[in-house]
Amino acid sequence: MADFSKTIEFIKSVYGNQEFTPLAVPVFAGNEKKYLNECIDTTFVSSVGKFVDRFEEEIAKYTGSKKAVVCVSGTNALHMSLMLVGVERDDEVLTQALTFIATCNALSYIGAHPVFIDVDRSTMGLSPDAMKEWLVKNAEIRNGECFNKNTGRRVKACVPMHTFGHPVRIEEIADLCAEYHIELVEDAAESIGSKYKGQHTGTFGKVGAISFNGNKTITTGGGGMMLFQDEELGKYAKHITTQAKIPHRWEFRHDHIGYNYRMPNINAALGCAQLENLDKYIVSKRKVAAEYEEYFKNVPDIEFFVDSPDTYSNYWLNAVILRDKEAQLEFLEQTNDNGVMTRPIWELMNRLPMFEKCENDGLKNTIWFADRVVNIPSSVRPSDLPKE
């Protein structure tokens, strides 16, 4: 059995030798209490309030989007994004099996079917090479739409996920989507602040979805956001996620089937305060990642996963790659037994009973990662933040 005691000591030292080193905890180092108190004092704690509008406007500006619309969760945001680009029951959606289950749950709410495409070794996200190979072999264009020759179903959308905050080769994926008449919806749940060639993730397709869950780089407690490059589509999204109510001083009239996906003002207030410190948080996370990278250069049989050329990652969750499955399990056991929280990659979607019959391309790299990857502590370090 391998001895990981020195690595455990190093990880603890990175975070100040705490008795327990968690995987990822939120940091509230700014105006959170001030803004929350304002919500309480004004009684605007629900979905009507100035912080909702402010949060949307500031995220749109930060990401370079034409319009941003808040939701209750990242899953809601992805579900709505897929509906807005026209995904319907029995359509197929190209995505990755190496992802959190929310990606597949969102398309399942519509009754669509995932097709699992392999990931890149350089990004851990959807591979444009594997995607192209699958499309050449299995897709055909009929009347301006893409169909799977094997199933006869329409291939309506593609959902790449920027794994652990590391951007995929999104430009190449976008080009393939355009060539095959497939809508691009980015699952940017984990990648707030991450960029590909200087452009923020979530802004390359028609819609992108972000998560602000409690363990994300910035949090609203729970919450999500849709990013739009089409302002009119964004306005429509805002309408149907607020129960499709026609504005009026007292009447309750609705013109579509609507959804109660509204983020409360009290959550948006947290988001506004968190966003003010986002760049500082990412600087801290990248500093931690650089320390890990330097340390693991001298550790045999463990590789620290770094961002690839043309990308700027927020390093939401740091990842190491072990020699094999046995070493992965030994590392998980020893770290968790000794006060360092670690976890494996999510169970692959194609191994879950709900999705085990879905089409896939063999998933060679996906399985390789699943047998080796471990996430290690990745929180923002308060000591890295500038003193006011």
Protein backbone atom coordinates (compact mmCIF):
# COMPACT_ATOMS: atom_id res chain seq x y z
CA MET A 1 0.00 0.00 0.00
CA ALA A 2 1.27 3.47 -0.91
CA ASP A 3 1.99 5.91 1.91
CA PHE A 4 0.44 9.35 1.29
CA SER A 5 1.29 10.84 4.70
CA LYS A 6 3.67 13.52 3.33
CA THR A 7 1.06 14.64 0.81
CA ILE A 8 -1.56 14.82 3.56
CA GLU A 9 0.80 16.96 5.64
CA PHE A 10 1.40 19.27 2.68
CA ILE A 11 -2.31 19.72 1.92
CA LYS A 12 -2.94 20.56 5.58
CA SER A 13 -0.10 23.09 5.50
CA VAL A 14 -1.62 24.82 2.46
CA TYR A 15 -4.65 25.64 4.58
CA GLY A 16 -2.89 26.44 7.84
CA ASN A 17 -2.71 22.97 9.40
CA GLN A 18 -6.33 22.83 10.45
CA GLU A 19 -7.55 19.76 12.30
CA PHE A 20 -9.98 19.20 9.43
CA THR A 21 -9.43 20.52 5.91
CA PRO A 22 -12.73 20.63 3.97
CA LEU A 23 -13.04 20.27 0.20
CA ALA A 24 -14.65 23.63 -0.60
CA VAL A 25 -16.30 26.11 1.75
CA PRO A 26 -17.77 29.54 0.96
CA VAL A 27 -16.03 32.72 2.06
CA PHE A 28 -18.05 35.76 3.17
CA ALA A 29 -15.50 38.56 3.26
CA GLY A 30 -17.46 41.56 2.01
CA ASN A 31 -20.88 43.19 2.15
CA GLU A 32 -22.95 40.04 2.63
CA LYS A 33 -24.35 40.96 6.07
CA LYS A 34 -24.93 44.58 5.06
CA TYR A 35 -26.96 43.60 1.98
CA LEU A 36 -28.88 40.86 3.80
CA ASN A 37 -29.81 43.29 6.57
CA GLU A 38 -31.03 45.73 3.94
CA CYS A 39 -33.34 43.02 2.53
CA ILE A 40 -34.72 42.31 5.98
CA ASP A 41 -35.10 45.97 6.94
CA THR A 42 -36.99 46.75 3.72
CA THR A 43 -38.96 43.43 3.88
CA PHE A 44 -37.99 42.69 0.23
CA VAL A 45 -36.76 39.15 0.82
CA SER A 46 -38.65 37.34 -1.95
CA SER A 47 -38.29 37.50 -5.73
CA VAL A 48 -39.06 41.22 -6.04
CA GLY A 49 -36.25 43.52 -4.99
CA LYS A 50 -33.40 45.64 -6.26
CA PHE A 51 -30.69 43.03 -5.67
CA VAL A 52 -32.24 40.65 -8.22
CA ASP A 53 -32.00 43.24 -10.99
CA ARG A 54 -28.58 44.38 -9.84
CA PHE A 55 -27.18 40.84 -9.73
CA GLU A 56 -28.41 40.13 -13.27
CA GLU A 57 -26.97 43.37 -14.61
CA GLU A 58 -23.61 42.89 -12.92
CA ILE A 59 -23.21 39.27 -14.02
CA ALA A 60 -24.08 40.25 -17.59
CA LYS A 61 -21.40 42.93 -17.49
CA TYR A 62 -18.84 40.63 -15.84
CA THR A 63 -19.30 37.83 -18.36
CA GLY A 64 -19.79 40.02 -21.44
CA SER A 65 -23.34 38.79 -22.00
CA LYS A 66 -26.18 40.76 -23.56
CA LYS A 67 -28.59 39.59 -20.85
CA ALA A 68 -28.43 37.49 -17.68
CA VAL A 69 -31.42 35.92 -15.91
CA VAL A 70 -31.32 34.45 -12.41
CA CYS A 71 -32.90 31.14 -11.41
CA VAL A 72 -33.37 29.16 -8.21
CA SER A 73 -30.59 26.72 -9.16
CA GLY A 74 -28.09 25.85 -11.86
CA THR A 75 -30.26 22.86 -12.73
CA ASN A 76 -33.23 25.16 -13.33
CA ALA A 77 -31.03 27.36 -15.49
CA LEU A 78 -29.92 24.43 -17.62
CA HIS A 79 -33.45 23.01 -17.90
CA MET A 80 -34.78 26.36 -19.09
CA SER A 81 -31.81 26.87 -21.45
CA LEU A 82 -32.53 23.59 -23.21
CA MET A 83 -36.21 24.44 -23.59
CA LEU A 84 -35.38 27.89 -24.94
CA VAL A 85 -33.22 26.49 -27.75
CA GLY A 86 -36.03 24.15 -28.79
CA VAL A 87 -35.15 20.79 -27.24
CA GLU A 88 -38.29 18.65 -27.17
CA ARG A 89 -39.37 15.21 -25.96
CA ASP A 90 -37.44 12.38 -27.65
CA ASP A 91 -34.77 14.69 -29.04
CA GLU A 92 -31.15 13.73 -28.43
CA VAL A 93 -28.56 15.91 -26.75
CA LEU A 94 -24.81 15.36 -27.12
CA THR A 95 -23.08 15.68 -23.77
CA GLN A 96 -20.48 14.03 -21.54
CA ALA A 97 -20.80 11.18 -19.06
CA LEU A 98 -18.15 12.82 -16.89
CA THR A 99 -20.38 15.43 -15.25
CA PHE A 100 -22.61 16.06 -12.25
CA ILE A 101 -26.04 14.49 -12.64
CA ALA A 102 -27.75 17.89 -12.97
CA THR A 103 -26.61 18.02 -16.61
CA CYS A 104 -28.58 14.88 -17.47
CA ASN A 105 -31.46 15.57 -15.09
CA ALA A 106 -32.14 18.87 -16.84
CA LEU A 107 -32.57 17.31 -20.27
CA SER A 108 -34.52 14.40 -18.78
CA TYR A 109 -37.14 16.81 -17.42
CA ILE A 110 -37.98 17.55 -21.06
CA GLY A 111 -37.97 13.87 -22.03
CA ALA A 112 -34.83 14.19 -24.16
CA HIS A 113 -32.09 11.54 -24.38
CA PRO A 114 -28.39 12.09 -23.68
CA VAL A 115 -25.76 10.72 -26.07
CA PHE A 116 -22.46 10.46 -24.22
CA ILE A 117 -19.34 11.64 -26.04
CA ASP A 118 -15.81 11.16 -24.70
CA VAL A 119 -13.77 13.91 -23.04
CA ASP A 120 -10.34 15.33 -23.80
CA ARG A 121 -7.35 14.33 -21.69
CA SER A 122 -6.26 17.99 -21.72
CA THR A 123 -9.51 19.51 -20.40
CA MET A 124 -11.61 16.70 -18.82
CA GLY A 125 -14.48 18.19 -20.86
CA LEU A 126 -16.30 17.22 -24.05
CA SER A 127 -13.85 16.46 -26.84
CA PRO A 128 -14.48 18.13 -30.22
CA ASP A 129 -12.41 15.37 -31.83
CA ALA A 130 -14.62 12.65 -30.37
CA MET A 131 -17.71 14.69 -31.19
CA LYS A 132 -16.66 15.08 -34.82
CA GLU A 133 -15.91 11.36 -35.10
CA TRP A 134 -19.36 10.49 -33.73
CA LEU A 135 -21.13 12.98 -36.01
CA VAL A 136 -19.32 11.81 -39.16
CA LYS A 137 -20.24 8.22 -38.37
CA ASN A 138 -23.78 8.63 -37.04
CA ALA A 139 -25.34 11.96 -38.08
CA GLU A 140 -27.15 13.13 -41.19
CA ILE A 141 -28.71 16.47 -42.08
CA ARG A 142 -32.33 16.50 -43.19
CA ASN A 143 -34.18 19.73 -44.00
CA GLY A 144 -31.67 21.77 -42.05
CA GLU A 145 -31.77 19.59 -38.94
CA CYS A 146 -29.43 16.92 -37.56
CA PHE A 147 -30.63 13.34 -37.06
CA ASN A 148 -29.08 10.21 -35.57
CA LYS A 149 -29.08 7.61 -38.36
CA ASN A 150 -29.23 4.77 -35.80
CA THR A 151 -32.22 5.92 -33.76
CA GLY A 152 -33.97 8.27 -36.19
CA ARG A 153 -34.15 10.90 -33.45
CA ARG A 154 -33.35 14.55 -33.95
CA VAL A 155 -30.03 15.67 -32.43
CA LYS A 156 -31.11 19.09 -31.26
CA ALA A 157 -28.46 20.32 -28.84
CA CYS A 158 -24.99 19.86 -27.45
CA VAL A 159 -24.13 20.48 -23.79
CA PRO A 160 -20.41 20.55 -22.97
CA MET A 161 -19.53 20.99 -19.29
CA HIS A 162 -16.46 22.95 -18.17
CA THR A 163 -15.27 20.34 -15.66
CA PHE A 164 -14.01 21.69 -12.32
CA GLY A 165 -13.84 25.14 -13.94
CA HIS A 166 -11.47 24.14 -16.77
CA PRO A 167 -12.78 25.42 -20.14
CA VAL A 168 -13.30 22.89 -22.92
CA ARG A 169 -12.14 23.53 -26.49
CA ILE A 170 -15.33 25.48 -26.90
CA GLU A 171 -14.61 27.24 -30.20
CA GLU A 172 -14.19 23.92 -32.02
CA ILE A 173 -17.35 22.57 -30.43
CA ALA A 174 -19.23 25.70 -31.50
CA ASP A 175 -17.99 25.27 -35.09
CA LEU A 176 -19.19 21.64 -35.16
CA CYS A 177 -22.57 22.67 -33.78
CA ALA A 178 -22.91 25.28 -36.53
CA GLU A 179 -21.88 22.80 -39.22
CA TYR A 180 -24.40 20.18 -38.06
CA HIS A 181 -27.26 22.58 -37.16
CA ILE A 182 -27.06 21.73 -33.45
CA GLU A 183 -27.82 24.28 -30.73
CA LEU A 184 -24.97 24.90 -28.27
CA VAL A 185 -25.89 25.22 -24.59
CA GLU A 186 -22.92 25.55 -22.25
CA ASP A 187 -23.01 23.97 -18.82
CA ALA A 188 -20.84 26.59 -17.13
CA ALA A 189 -22.11 25.65 -13.67
CA GLU A 190 -18.60 25.35 -12.26
CA SER A 191 -16.75 27.95 -14.31
CA ILE A 192 -17.75 31.46 -13.21
CA GLY A 193 -14.69 33.58 -13.97
CA SER A 194 -13.08 31.02 -16.30
CA LYS A 195 -12.18 32.11 -19.84
CA TYR A 196 -11.29 30.60 -23.19
CA LYS A 197 -9.06 32.88 -25.28
CA GLY A 198 -10.14 35.76 -23.08
CA GLN A 199 -13.88 35.14 -23.49
CA HIS A 200 -15.97 34.06 -20.51
CA THR A 201 -17.34 30.54 -20.48
CA GLY A 202 -21.08 30.34 -21.02
CA THR A 203 -21.02 32.97 -23.77
CA PHE A 204 -20.09 30.89 -26.83
CA GLY A 205 -23.52 29.32 -27.41
CA LYS A 206 -27.06 30.62 -27.55
CA VAL A 207 -27.39 30.12 -23.77
CA GLY A 208 -25.04 29.29 -20.92
CA ALA A 209 -25.95 28.14 -17.41
CA ILE A 210 -24.09 28.99 -14.19
CA SER A 211 -24.54 27.62 -10.67
CA PHE A 212 -24.20 29.51 -7.38
CA ASN A 213 -24.58 26.50 -5.08
CA GLY A 214 -22.97 26.69 -1.64
CA ASN A 215 -19.73 25.03 -2.74
CA LYS A 216 -19.18 27.13 -5.87
CA THR A 217 -16.54 29.85 -6.29
CA ILE A 218 -19.19 32.41 -5.37
CA THR A 219 -22.51 31.44 -3.85
CA THR A 220 -26.03 32.70 -3.33
CA GLY A 221 -26.75 29.77 -1.00
CA GLY A 222 -28.55 28.12 -3.88
CA GLY A 223 -29.10 29.65 -7.26
CA GLY A 224 -28.25 29.78 -10.93
CA MET A 225 -28.04 32.12 -13.89
CA MET A 226 -28.65 31.97 -17.63
CA LEU A 227 -26.37 33.96 -19.94
CA PHE A 228 -27.68 35.17 -23.30
CA GLN A 229 -26.12 36.70 -26.41
CA ASP A 230 -29.65 37.33 -27.73
CA GLU A 231 -31.23 40.03 -25.58
CA GLU A 232 -34.78 39.29 -26.76
CA LEU A 233 -34.41 35.60 -25.88
CA GLY A 234 -33.16 36.67 -22.48
CA LYS A 235 -36.20 38.87 -21.93
CA TYR A 236 -38.48 35.97 -22.89
CA ALA A 237 -36.60 33.73 -20.44
CA LYS A 238 -37.16 36.26 -17.66
CA HIS A 239 -40.87 36.30 -18.49
CA ILE A 240 -41.49 32.57 -18.44
CA THR A 241 -39.31 31.95 -15.37
CA THR A 242 -41.47 34.40 -13.43
CA GLN A 243 -44.72 32.51 -14.10
CA ALA A 244 -45.24 34.32 -17.43
CA LYS A 245 -47.21 37.03 -15.67
CA ILE A 246 -48.20 39.99 -17.83
CA PRO A 247 -47.11 43.15 -15.99
CA HIS A 248 -50.03 44.99 -14.39
CA ARG A 249 -50.55 46.85 -11.15
CA TRP A 250 -53.21 44.46 -9.85
CA GLU A 251 -54.33 41.91 -12.43
CA PHE A 252 -52.95 38.37 -12.55
CA ARG A 253 -52.91 37.37 -16.21
CA HIS A 254 -50.47 34.96 -17.80
CA ASP A 255 -49.75 34.32 -21.48
CA HIS A 256 -47.62 31.12 -21.41
CA ILE A 257 -47.05 28.07 -19.28
CA GLY A 258 -44.68 29.61 -16.76
CA TYR A 259 -42.14 28.41 -14.22
CA ASN A 260 -41.50 29.57 -10.68
CA TYR A 261 -37.74 29.68 -11.13
CA ARG A 262 -37.35 33.12 -9.54
CA MET A 263 -34.32 33.77 -7.33
CA PRO A 264 -35.33 35.54 -4.09
CA ASN A 265 -33.92 39.00 -3.44
CA ILE A 266 -32.20 37.75 -0.28
CA ASN A 267 -30.17 35.25 -2.33
CA ALA A 268 -29.36 37.83 -4.97
CA ALA A 269 -28.10 40.14 -2.22
CA LEU A 270 -25.58 37.48 -1.25
CA GLY A 271 -24.63 37.16 -4.91
CA CYS A 272 -23.99 40.88 -5.32
CA ALA A 273 -21.68 40.90 -2.32
CA GLN A 274 -19.88 37.75 -3.48
CA LEU A 275 -19.42 39.08 -7.00
CA GLU A 276 -17.61 42.13 -5.62
CA ASN A 277 -14.84 39.78 -4.44
CA LEU A 278 -14.93 37.18 -7.22
CA ASP A 279 -11.66 38.20 -8.89
CA LYS A 280 -9.89 38.15 -5.51
CA TYR A 281 -11.27 34.69 -4.83
CA ILE A 282 -10.01 33.40 -8.17
CA VAL A 283 -6.56 34.87 -7.54
CA SER A 284 -6.48 32.92 -4.26
CA LYS A 285 -7.68 29.70 -5.87
CA ARG A 286 -5.11 29.98 -8.65
CA LYS A 287 -2.39 30.66 -6.06
CA VAL A 288 -3.36 27.49 -4.20
CA ALA A 289 -3.38 25.58 -7.50
CA ALA A 290 0.13 26.85 -8.32
CA GLU A 291 1.38 25.61 -4.93
CA TYR A 292 -0.18 22.21 -5.56
CA GLU A 293 1.31 22.08 -9.06
CA GLU A 294 4.81 22.82 -7.76
CA TYR A 295 4.51 20.25 -4.97
CA PHE A 296 3.18 17.40 -7.12
CA LYS A 297 5.98 17.83 -9.68
CA ASN A 298 8.13 15.97 -7.17
CA VAL A 299 5.60 13.30 -6.16
CA PRO A 300 5.84 10.08 -8.18
CA ASP A 301 2.65 8.56 -9.58
CA ILE A 302 0.47 11.62 -8.82
CA GLU A 303 -0.20 14.30 -11.44
CA PHE A 304 -1.84 17.64 -10.63
CA PHE A 305 -4.35 18.64 -13.31
CA VAL A 306 -3.65 22.11 -14.76
CA ASP A 307 -5.50 24.36 -17.18
CA SER A 308 -4.68 23.94 -20.86
CA PRO A 309 -3.33 26.48 -23.40
CA ASP A 310 -5.70 29.34 -24.32
CA THR A 311 -7.63 28.92 -21.07
CA TYR A 312 -7.87 30.71 -17.74
CA SER A 313 -9.43 28.42 -15.15
CA ASN A 314 -11.00 29.43 -11.86
CA TYR A 315 -9.75 26.08 -10.43
CA TRP A 316 -13.10 25.55 -8.78
CA LEU A 317 -12.05 22.08 -7.64
CA ASN A 318 -8.43 20.99 -7.72
CA ALA A 319 -7.83 17.51 -9.10
CA VAL A 320 -5.01 15.01 -8.93
CA ILE A 321 -4.62 11.95 -11.13
CA LEU A 322 -3.45 8.77 -9.43
CA ARG A 323 -1.64 5.83 -11.01
CA ASP A 324 -4.67 3.51 -11.14
CA LYS A 325 -7.94 2.59 -9.42
CA GLU A 326 -6.19 0.90 -6.50
CA ALA A 327 -4.07 3.97 -5.80
CA GLN A 328 -7.15 6.19 -6.11
CA LEU A 329 -8.98 4.21 -3.43
CA GLU A 330 -5.93 4.16 -1.14
CA PHE A 331 -5.53 7.93 -1.49
CA LEU A 332 -9.21 8.53 -0.73
CA GLU A 333 -9.08 6.33 2.35
CA GLN A 334 -5.88 7.78 3.79
CA THR A 335 -6.80 11.43 3.24
CA ASN A 336 -10.31 11.13 4.64
CA ASP A 337 -9.06 9.07 7.60
CA ASN A 338 -6.59 11.82 8.45
CA GLY A 339 -8.67 14.98 8.37
CA VAL A 340 -8.34 15.94 4.69
CA MET A 341 -11.60 15.84 2.76
CA THR A 342 -11.24 14.40 -0.73
CA ARG A 343 -13.64 12.77 -3.15
CA PRO A 344 -13.55 10.86 -6.44
CA ILE A 345 -15.02 12.18 -9.65
CA TRP A 346 -18.79 11.76 -9.90
CA GLU A 347 -20.11 8.33 -10.84
CA LEU A 348 -20.20 8.37 -14.62
CA MET A 349 -23.66 9.06 -16.03
CA ASN A 350 -23.64 5.96 -18.26
CA ARG A 351 -23.13 3.82 -15.13
CA LEU A 352 -26.30 5.10 -13.45
CA PRO A 353 -29.47 3.01 -13.93
CA MET A 354 -31.38 5.94 -15.47
CA PHE A 355 -28.83 6.42 -18.27
CA GLU A 356 -27.07 3.07 -18.66
CA LYS A 357 -28.89 2.31 -21.92
CA CYS A 358 -28.03 5.65 -23.53
CA GLU A 359 -25.76 5.66 -26.56
CA ASN A 360 -22.07 6.38 -26.00
CA ASP A 361 -18.86 6.27 -28.04
CA GLY A 362 -16.88 3.96 -25.77
CA LEU A 363 -15.76 6.77 -23.44
CA LYS A 364 -12.10 5.69 -23.26
CA ASN A 365 -10.75 8.88 -21.67
CA THR A 366 -13.83 9.30 -19.51
CA ILE A 367 -13.31 5.89 -17.89
CA TRP A 368 -9.56 6.53 -17.54
CA PHE A 369 -10.29 9.69 -15.52
CA ALA A 370 -13.01 8.05 -13.42
CA ASP A 371 -10.54 5.39 -12.28
CA ARG A 372 -7.85 7.90 -11.27
CA VAL A 373 -9.12 11.40 -10.42
CA VAL A 374 -9.46 12.67 -6.87
CA ASN A 375 -10.55 16.19 -5.90
CA ILE A 376 -8.48 17.75 -3.12
CA PRO A 377 -9.20 20.82 -0.92
CA SER A 378 -9.90 23.88 -3.05
CA SER A 379 -11.35 26.62 -0.84
CA VAL A 380 -10.43 30.27 -1.10
CA ARG A 381 -7.79 31.07 1.54
CA PRO A 382 -8.85 34.07 3.65
CA SER A 383 -5.14 34.79 4.22
CA ASP A 384 -4.75 35.50 0.49
CA LEU A 385 -7.37 38.25 0.52
CA PRO A 386 -6.14 41.83 0.78
CA LYS A 387 -6.72 43.50 4.14
CA GLU A 388 -9.13 46.41 4.00
